[in-house]
């Protein structure tokens, strides 16, 4: 098994374990805003830079969303412009921050 395969397997096991732990403990999911979350919103909420959010999503070390170009999911250093779709539930699962929508 290569180091990359080991890391990917460990990430998968960790995610499954966290989900099981929440289910066993009976932790209720918070209510998230239905308002779309942008890279800037994720940056403001988590304190990470916008560049770090983009890089983390593209390179898989911040699994809070996906990058899309021409209707296809992309990853890594694919160059060019991409649209990012951020999932509030994943932001909460990974960082503990709850997306309640833009502050008015």
N, C-alpha and C. Protein backbone atom coordinates (compact mmCIF):
# COMPACT_ATOMS: atom_id res chain seq x y z
N UNK A 1 0.85 -1.17 0.00
CA UNK A 1 0.00 0.00 0.00
C UNK A 1 0.90 1.24 0.00
N UNK A 2 0.60 2.16 -0.89
CA UNK A 2 1.38 3.39 -0.95
C UNK A 2 0.92 4.34 0.15
N UNK A 3 1.71 5.36 0.40
CA UNK A 3 1.36 6.35 1.41
C UNK A 3 0.06 7.06 1.04
N UNK A 4 -0.10 7.38 -0.23
CA UNK A 4 -1.31 8.07 -0.68
C UNK A 4 -2.55 7.19 -0.47
N UNK A 5 -2.44 5.90 -0.78
CA UNK A 5 -3.56 4.98 -0.57
C UNK A 5 -3.89 4.87 0.92
N UNK A 6 -2.86 4.83 1.75
CA UNK A 6 -3.07 4.75 3.20
C UNK A 6 -3.80 5.99 3.71
N UNK A 7 -3.35 7.16 3.25
CA UNK A 7 -3.99 8.41 3.68
C UNK A 7 -5.44 8.45 3.24
N UNK A 8 -5.72 8.07 2.00
CA UNK A 8 -7.09 8.08 1.50
C UNK A 8 -7.97 7.12 2.29
N UNK A 9 -7.43 5.95 2.61
CA UNK A 9 -8.20 4.97 3.39
C UNK A 9 -8.46 5.50 4.80
N UNK A 10 -7.45 6.12 5.40
CA UNK A 10 -7.60 6.67 6.75
C UNK A 10 -8.65 7.77 6.77
N UNK A 11 -8.66 8.63 5.73
CA UNK A 11 -9.67 9.70 5.65
C UNK A 11 -11.06 9.10 5.58
N UNK A 12 -11.21 8.05 4.79
CA UNK A 12 -12.51 7.41 4.63
C UNK A 12 -12.98 6.80 5.95
N UNK A 13 -12.10 6.09 6.62
CA UNK A 13 -12.44 5.46 7.90
C UNK A 13 -12.79 6.51 8.94
N UNK A 14 -12.03 7.61 8.99
CA UNK A 14 -12.29 8.67 9.96
C UNK A 14 -13.67 9.29 9.73
N UNK A 15 -14.01 9.56 8.46
CA UNK A 15 -15.32 10.14 8.15
C UNK A 15 -16.45 9.23 8.56
N UNK A 16 -16.31 7.94 8.29
CA UNK A 16 -17.34 6.97 8.66
C UNK A 16 -17.46 6.88 10.17
N UNK A 17 -16.33 6.88 10.87
CA UNK A 17 -16.35 6.79 12.33
C UNK A 17 -17.04 8.00 12.95
N UNK A 18 -16.79 9.17 12.40
CA UNK A 18 -17.42 10.38 12.92
C UNK A 18 -18.92 10.33 12.74
N UNK A 19 -19.36 9.86 11.58
CA UNK A 19 -20.80 9.74 11.31
C UNK A 19 -21.45 8.75 12.27
N UNK A 20 -20.81 7.63 12.49
CA UNK A 20 -21.34 6.62 13.41
C UNK A 20 -21.40 7.17 14.83
N UNK A 21 -20.36 7.86 15.25
CA UNK A 21 -20.34 8.43 16.60
C UNK A 21 -21.49 9.41 16.80
N UNK A 22 -21.75 10.25 15.80
CA UNK A 22 -22.88 11.19 15.91
C UNK A 22 -24.20 10.45 16.03
N UNK A 23 -24.35 9.39 15.26
CA UNK A 23 -25.59 8.62 15.29
C UNK A 23 -25.78 7.94 16.64
N UNK A 24 -24.72 7.33 17.16
CA UNK A 24 -24.79 6.63 18.43
C UNK A 24 -25.10 7.58 19.57
N UNK A 25 -24.47 8.73 19.56
CA UNK A 25 -24.67 9.70 20.63
C UNK A 25 -26.04 10.38 20.50
N UNK A 26 -26.62 10.30 19.32
CA UNK A 26 -27.93 10.91 19.11
C UNK A 26 -27.85 12.41 18.90
N UNK A 27 -26.70 12.87 18.45
CA UNK A 27 -26.51 14.29 18.23
C UNK A 27 -27.39 14.77 17.09
N UNK A 28 -28.20 15.75 17.35
CA UNK A 28 -29.07 16.28 16.31
C UNK A 28 -28.27 17.19 15.39
N UNK A 29 -28.65 17.22 14.14
CA UNK A 29 -27.99 18.11 13.19
C UNK A 29 -28.56 19.51 13.36
N UNK A 30 -27.70 20.50 13.36
CA UNK A 30 -28.21 21.87 13.45
C UNK A 30 -28.93 22.27 12.17
N UNK A 31 -29.71 23.32 12.27
CA UNK A 31 -30.36 23.84 11.07
C UNK A 31 -29.39 24.77 10.36
N UNK A 32 -29.25 24.54 9.05
CA UNK A 32 -28.38 25.37 8.24
C UNK A 32 -29.23 26.27 7.36
N UNK A 33 -28.68 27.41 7.01
CA UNK A 33 -29.36 28.30 6.08
C UNK A 33 -29.45 27.63 4.71
N UNK A 34 -30.54 27.88 4.00
CA UNK A 34 -30.68 27.37 2.64
C UNK A 34 -30.00 28.30 1.63
N UNK A 35 -29.49 29.42 2.13
CA UNK A 35 -28.80 30.39 1.30
C UNK A 35 -27.48 29.78 0.80
N UNK A 36 -27.15 29.94 -0.48
CA UNK A 36 -25.89 29.39 -0.99
C UNK A 36 -24.69 29.96 -0.23
N UNK A 37 -23.68 29.13 -0.06
CA UNK A 37 -22.46 29.53 0.66
C UNK A 37 -21.34 29.73 -0.35
N UNK A 38 -20.72 30.90 -0.31
CA UNK A 38 -19.63 31.21 -1.23
C UNK A 38 -18.28 30.93 -0.57
N UNK A 39 -17.23 31.01 -1.37
CA UNK A 39 -15.88 30.87 -0.83
C UNK A 39 -15.63 31.95 0.23
N UNK A 40 -16.07 33.18 -0.04
CA UNK A 40 -15.90 34.27 0.92
C UNK A 40 -16.65 33.96 2.20
N UNK A 41 -17.87 33.45 2.08
CA UNK A 41 -18.65 33.10 3.27
C UNK A 41 -17.93 32.04 4.11
N UNK A 42 -17.41 31.01 3.44
CA UNK A 42 -16.69 29.95 4.14
C UNK A 42 -15.44 30.51 4.81
N UNK A 43 -14.77 31.43 4.14
CA UNK A 43 -13.57 32.06 4.69
C UNK A 43 -13.92 32.87 5.93
N UNK A 44 -14.96 33.68 5.83
CA UNK A 44 -15.39 34.50 6.97
C UNK A 44 -15.81 33.62 8.15
N UNK A 45 -16.50 32.53 7.88
CA UNK A 45 -17.01 31.65 8.92
C UNK A 45 -15.90 30.88 9.62
N UNK A 46 -14.95 30.37 8.86
CA UNK A 46 -13.92 29.49 9.41
C UNK A 46 -12.63 30.20 9.81
N UNK A 47 -12.40 31.38 9.24
CA UNK A 47 -11.15 32.09 9.51
C UNK A 47 -10.01 31.67 8.59
N UNK A 48 -10.28 30.75 7.67
CA UNK A 48 -9.27 30.36 6.67
C UNK A 48 -9.31 31.38 5.53
N UNK A 49 -8.19 31.54 4.84
CA UNK A 49 -8.20 32.45 3.70
C UNK A 49 -9.00 31.84 2.55
N UNK A 50 -9.44 32.69 1.65
CA UNK A 50 -10.18 32.20 0.48
C UNK A 50 -9.29 31.29 -0.36
N UNK A 51 -8.01 31.62 -0.46
CA UNK A 51 -7.07 30.79 -1.21
C UNK A 51 -6.96 29.40 -0.58
N UNK A 52 -6.91 29.35 0.75
CA UNK A 52 -6.82 28.06 1.45
C UNK A 52 -8.08 27.23 1.24
N UNK A 53 -9.24 27.87 1.25
CA UNK A 53 -10.51 27.16 1.02
C UNK A 53 -10.49 26.54 -0.38
N UNK A 54 -10.14 27.34 -1.39
CA UNK A 54 -10.09 26.83 -2.77
C UNK A 54 -9.09 25.67 -2.89
N UNK A 55 -7.89 25.87 -2.37
CA UNK A 55 -6.85 24.84 -2.46
C UNK A 55 -7.27 23.57 -1.72
N UNK A 56 -7.87 23.73 -0.56
CA UNK A 56 -8.31 22.58 0.22
C UNK A 56 -9.37 21.75 -0.49
N UNK A 57 -10.31 22.44 -1.12
CA UNK A 57 -11.35 21.72 -1.87
C UNK A 57 -10.74 21.04 -3.09
N UNK A 58 -9.93 21.77 -3.84
CA UNK A 58 -9.32 21.21 -5.05
C UNK A 58 -8.40 20.03 -4.75
N UNK A 59 -7.67 20.10 -3.65
CA UNK A 59 -6.68 19.06 -3.34
C UNK A 59 -7.17 18.01 -2.36
N UNK A 60 -8.41 18.15 -1.90
CA UNK A 60 -9.03 17.11 -1.09
C UNK A 60 -8.73 17.12 0.39
N UNK A 61 -7.96 18.08 0.90
CA UNK A 61 -7.66 18.08 2.33
C UNK A 61 -8.66 18.92 3.13
N UNK A 62 -9.59 19.59 2.46
CA UNK A 62 -10.67 20.30 3.13
C UNK A 62 -11.98 19.88 2.43
N UNK A 63 -12.52 18.74 2.82
CA UNK A 63 -13.67 18.17 2.10
C UNK A 63 -15.01 18.82 2.46
N UNK A 64 -15.15 20.10 2.12
CA UNK A 64 -16.39 20.81 2.44
C UNK A 64 -17.19 21.15 1.20
N UNK A 65 -16.72 20.74 0.04
CA UNK A 65 -17.43 21.05 -1.20
C UNK A 65 -16.72 20.47 -2.40
N UNK A 66 -17.14 20.91 -3.57
CA UNK A 66 -16.55 20.43 -4.82
C UNK A 66 -16.27 21.62 -5.74
N UNK A 67 -15.32 21.41 -6.64
CA UNK A 67 -15.01 22.39 -7.67
C UNK A 67 -15.54 21.84 -8.99
N UNK A 68 -16.18 22.70 -9.77
CA UNK A 68 -16.81 22.27 -11.02
C UNK A 68 -16.40 23.21 -12.15
N UNK A 69 -16.13 22.61 -13.32
CA UNK A 69 -15.89 23.38 -14.53
C UNK A 69 -16.60 22.68 -15.67
N UNK A 70 -17.36 23.42 -16.43
CA UNK A 70 -18.11 22.88 -17.57
C UNK A 70 -18.96 21.68 -17.17
N UNK A 71 -19.55 21.76 -15.97
CA UNK A 71 -20.46 20.71 -15.52
C UNK A 71 -19.79 19.45 -15.01
N UNK A 72 -18.45 19.46 -14.91
CA UNK A 72 -17.72 18.28 -14.44
C UNK A 72 -16.90 18.63 -13.21
N UNK A 73 -16.90 17.71 -12.25
CA UNK A 73 -16.10 17.93 -11.04
C UNK A 73 -14.62 17.87 -11.39
N UNK A 74 -13.85 18.81 -10.82
CA UNK A 74 -12.42 18.84 -11.06
C UNK A 74 -11.69 18.78 -9.73
N UNK A 75 -10.40 18.44 -9.79
CA UNK A 75 -9.59 18.42 -8.58
C UNK A 75 -8.14 18.68 -8.95
N UNK A 76 -7.33 18.94 -7.94
CA UNK A 76 -5.91 19.18 -8.16
C UNK A 76 -5.65 20.50 -8.85
N UNK A 77 -4.47 20.63 -9.38
CA UNK A 77 -4.07 21.86 -10.07
C UNK A 77 -4.49 21.78 -11.53
N UNK A 78 -5.78 21.94 -11.76
CA UNK A 78 -6.30 21.78 -13.11
C UNK A 78 -6.26 23.08 -13.92
N UNK A 79 -5.88 24.19 -13.28
CA UNK A 79 -5.78 25.47 -13.99
C UNK A 79 -7.13 25.97 -14.47
N UNK A 80 -7.21 27.23 -14.73
CA UNK A 80 -8.45 27.82 -15.23
C UNK A 80 -9.43 28.13 -14.12
N UNK A 81 -10.54 28.70 -14.53
CA UNK A 81 -11.57 29.13 -13.59
C UNK A 81 -12.46 27.95 -13.20
N UNK A 82 -12.86 27.93 -11.95
CA UNK A 82 -13.75 26.88 -11.46
C UNK A 82 -14.85 27.51 -10.61
N UNK A 83 -15.98 26.86 -10.58
CA UNK A 83 -17.06 27.22 -9.67
C UNK A 83 -16.98 26.29 -8.48
N UNK A 84 -17.21 26.82 -7.30
CA UNK A 84 -17.14 26.01 -6.09
C UNK A 84 -18.53 25.88 -5.48
N UNK A 85 -18.88 24.67 -5.12
CA UNK A 85 -20.13 24.39 -4.43
C UNK A 85 -19.75 23.93 -3.03
N UNK A 86 -20.19 24.68 -2.03
CA UNK A 86 -19.84 24.38 -0.65
C UNK A 86 -21.08 23.87 0.07
N UNK A 87 -20.91 22.77 0.80
CA UNK A 87 -22.01 22.12 1.51
C UNK A 87 -21.97 22.51 2.98
N UNK A 88 -22.95 23.28 3.46
CA UNK A 88 -22.95 23.73 4.86
C UNK A 88 -22.82 22.57 5.87
N UNK A 89 -23.45 21.44 5.58
CA UNK A 89 -23.34 20.32 6.52
C UNK A 89 -21.90 19.83 6.61
N UNK A 90 -21.21 19.78 5.47
CA UNK A 90 -19.81 19.33 5.48
C UNK A 90 -18.92 20.35 6.22
N UNK A 91 -19.23 21.65 6.06
CA UNK A 91 -18.47 22.67 6.79
C UNK A 91 -18.62 22.41 8.29
N UNK A 92 -19.82 22.12 8.72
CA UNK A 92 -20.07 21.85 10.14
C UNK A 92 -19.34 20.58 10.58
N UNK A 93 -19.44 19.51 9.77
CA UNK A 93 -18.80 18.26 10.14
C UNK A 93 -17.29 18.38 10.25
N UNK A 94 -16.69 19.14 9.34
CA UNK A 94 -15.23 19.24 9.28
C UNK A 94 -14.70 20.30 10.25
N UNK A 95 -15.41 21.43 10.39
CA UNK A 95 -14.86 22.55 11.17
C UNK A 95 -15.63 22.84 12.46
N UNK A 96 -16.87 22.38 12.54
CA UNK A 96 -17.69 22.69 13.71
C UNK A 96 -18.46 23.99 13.59
N UNK A 97 -18.27 24.72 12.50
CA UNK A 97 -18.96 26.00 12.29
C UNK A 97 -20.31 25.76 11.61
N UNK A 98 -21.32 26.50 12.05
CA UNK A 98 -22.67 26.35 11.51
C UNK A 98 -23.00 27.55 10.62
N UNK A 99 -23.39 27.26 9.37
CA UNK A 99 -23.78 28.31 8.41
C UNK A 99 -25.23 28.70 8.65
N UNK A 100 -25.41 29.94 9.10
CA UNK A 100 -26.76 30.47 9.37
C UNK A 100 -27.19 31.48 8.31
N UNK A 101 -26.38 31.66 7.29
CA UNK A 101 -26.67 32.63 6.24
C UNK A 101 -25.86 33.89 6.43
N UNK A 102 -25.96 34.77 5.45
CA UNK A 102 -25.22 36.03 5.52
C UNK A 102 -25.78 36.90 6.64
N UNK A 103 -24.88 37.59 7.33
CA UNK A 103 -25.32 38.50 8.38
C UNK A 103 -25.90 39.74 7.73
N UNK A 104 -27.03 40.17 8.25
CA UNK A 104 -27.70 41.33 7.66
C UNK A 104 -27.45 42.56 8.44
